């Protein structure tokens, strides 16, 4: 796997972990923020990759 795929894999795992933690305590503002931050980071990376593929 090249570096970008490793980075994507890490971001996906980070988002998945944050989601699973949030499922255990859905009322937690801290876990909700952690999940939202992970999603934003993943989305930002995906948009960046898409932009470079054009």
C-alpha atoms as a PDB file:
ATOM      1  CA  UNK A   1       0.000   0.000   0.000  1.00  0.00           C
ATOM      2  CA  UNK A   2       1.313   3.426  -0.816  1.00  0.00           C
ATOM      3  CA  UNK A   3       1.462   6.292   1.644  1.00  0.00           C
ATOM      4  CA  UNK A   4      -1.887   7.841   0.672  1.00  0.00           C
ATOM      5  CA  UNK A   5      -3.645   4.496   1.022  1.00  0.00           C
ATOM      6  CA  UNK A   6      -2.067   4.013   4.450  1.00  0.00           C
ATOM      7  CA  UNK A   7      -3.237   7.469   5.441  1.00  0.00           C
ATOM      8  CA  UNK A   8      -6.751   6.733   4.164  1.00  0.00           C
ATOM      9  CA  UNK A   9      -6.775   3.438   6.032  1.00  0.00           C
ATOM     10  CA  UNK A  10      -5.716   5.193   9.254  1.00  0.00           C
ATOM     11  CA  UNK A  11      -8.408   7.843   8.850  1.00  0.00           C
ATOM     12  CA  UNK A  12     -11.066   5.195   8.243  1.00  0.00           C
ATOM     13  CA  UNK A  13      -9.971   3.273  11.326  1.00  0.00           C
ATOM     14  CA  UNK A  14      -9.952   6.464  13.411  1.00  0.00           C
ATOM     15  CA  UNK A  15     -13.482   7.324  12.246  1.00  0.00           C
ATOM     16  CA  UNK A  16     -14.694   3.786  12.879  1.00  0.00           C
ATOM     17  CA  UNK A  17     -13.247   3.752  16.416  1.00  0.00           C
ATOM     18  CA  UNK A  18     -14.804   7.124  17.200  1.00  0.00           C
ATOM     19  CA  UNK A  19     -18.177   5.916  15.913  1.00  0.00           C
ATOM     20  CA  UNK A  20     -18.047   2.748  17.994  1.00  0.00           C
ATOM     21  CA  UNK A  21     -17.181   4.772  21.098  1.00  0.00           C
ATOM     22  CA  UNK A  22     -20.084   7.115  20.394  1.00  0.00           C
ATOM     23  CA  UNK A  23     -22.460   4.168  20.045  1.00  0.00           C
ATOM     24  CA  UNK A  24     -21.570   3.103  23.584  1.00  0.00           C
ATOM     25  CA  UNK A  25     -22.378   6.557  24.966  1.00  0.00           C
ATOM     26  CA  UNK A  26     -24.506   8.479  22.441  1.00  0.00           C
ATOM     27  CA  UNK A  27     -25.180  11.356  24.847  1.00  0.00           C
ATOM     28  CA  UNK A  28     -21.495  12.186  25.310  1.00  0.00           C
ATOM     29  CA  UNK A  29     -20.634  15.570  23.863  1.00  0.00           C
ATOM     30  CA  UNK A  30     -16.927  14.736  23.937  1.00  0.00           C
ATOM     31  CA  UNK A  31     -17.404  11.521  21.959  1.00  0.00           C
ATOM     32  CA  UNK A  32     -19.721  13.283  19.543  1.00  0.00           C
ATOM     33  CA  UNK A  33     -17.082  15.955  18.937  1.00  0.00           C
ATOM     34  CA  UNK A  34     -14.413  13.288  18.505  1.00  0.00           C
ATOM     35  CA  UNK A  35     -16.536  11.496  15.897  1.00  0.00           C
ATOM     36  CA  UNK A  36     -17.377  14.730  14.065  1.00  0.00           C
ATOM     37  CA  UNK A  37     -13.687  15.700  13.998  1.00  0.00           C
ATOM     38  CA  UNK A  38     -12.745  12.279  12.608  1.00  0.00           C
ATOM     39  CA  UNK A  39     -15.416  12.575   9.909  1.00  0.00           C
ATOM     40  CA  UNK A  40     -14.234  16.053   8.960  1.00  0.00           C
ATOM     41  CA  UNK A  41     -10.637  14.897   8.680  1.00  0.00           C
ATOM     42  CA  UNK A  42     -11.655  11.915   6.540  1.00  0.00           C
ATOM     43  CA  UNK A  43     -13.886  14.035   4.305  1.00  0.00           C
ATOM     44  CA  UNK A  44     -11.177  16.644   3.884  1.00  0.00           C
ATOM     45  CA  UNK A  45      -8.670  14.000   2.832  1.00  0.00           C
ATOM     46  CA  UNK A  46     -11.106  12.403   0.367  1.00  0.00           C
ATOM     47  CA  UNK A  47     -11.899  15.790  -1.179  1.00  0.00           C
ATOM     48  CA  UNK A  48      -8.190  16.499  -1.497  1.00  0.00           C
ATOM     49  CA  UNK A  49      -7.569  13.190  -3.249  1.00  0.00           C
ATOM     50  CA  UNK A  50     -10.500  13.775  -5.602  1.00  0.00           C
ATOM     51  CA  UNK A  51      -9.213  17.245  -6.450  1.00  0.00           C
ATOM     52  CA  UNK A  52      -5.777  15.856  -7.337  1.00  0.00           C
ATOM     53  CA  UNK A  53      -7.292  13.145  -9.551  1.00  0.00           C
ATOM     54  CA  UNK A  54      -9.022  15.640 -11.840  1.00  0.00           C
END
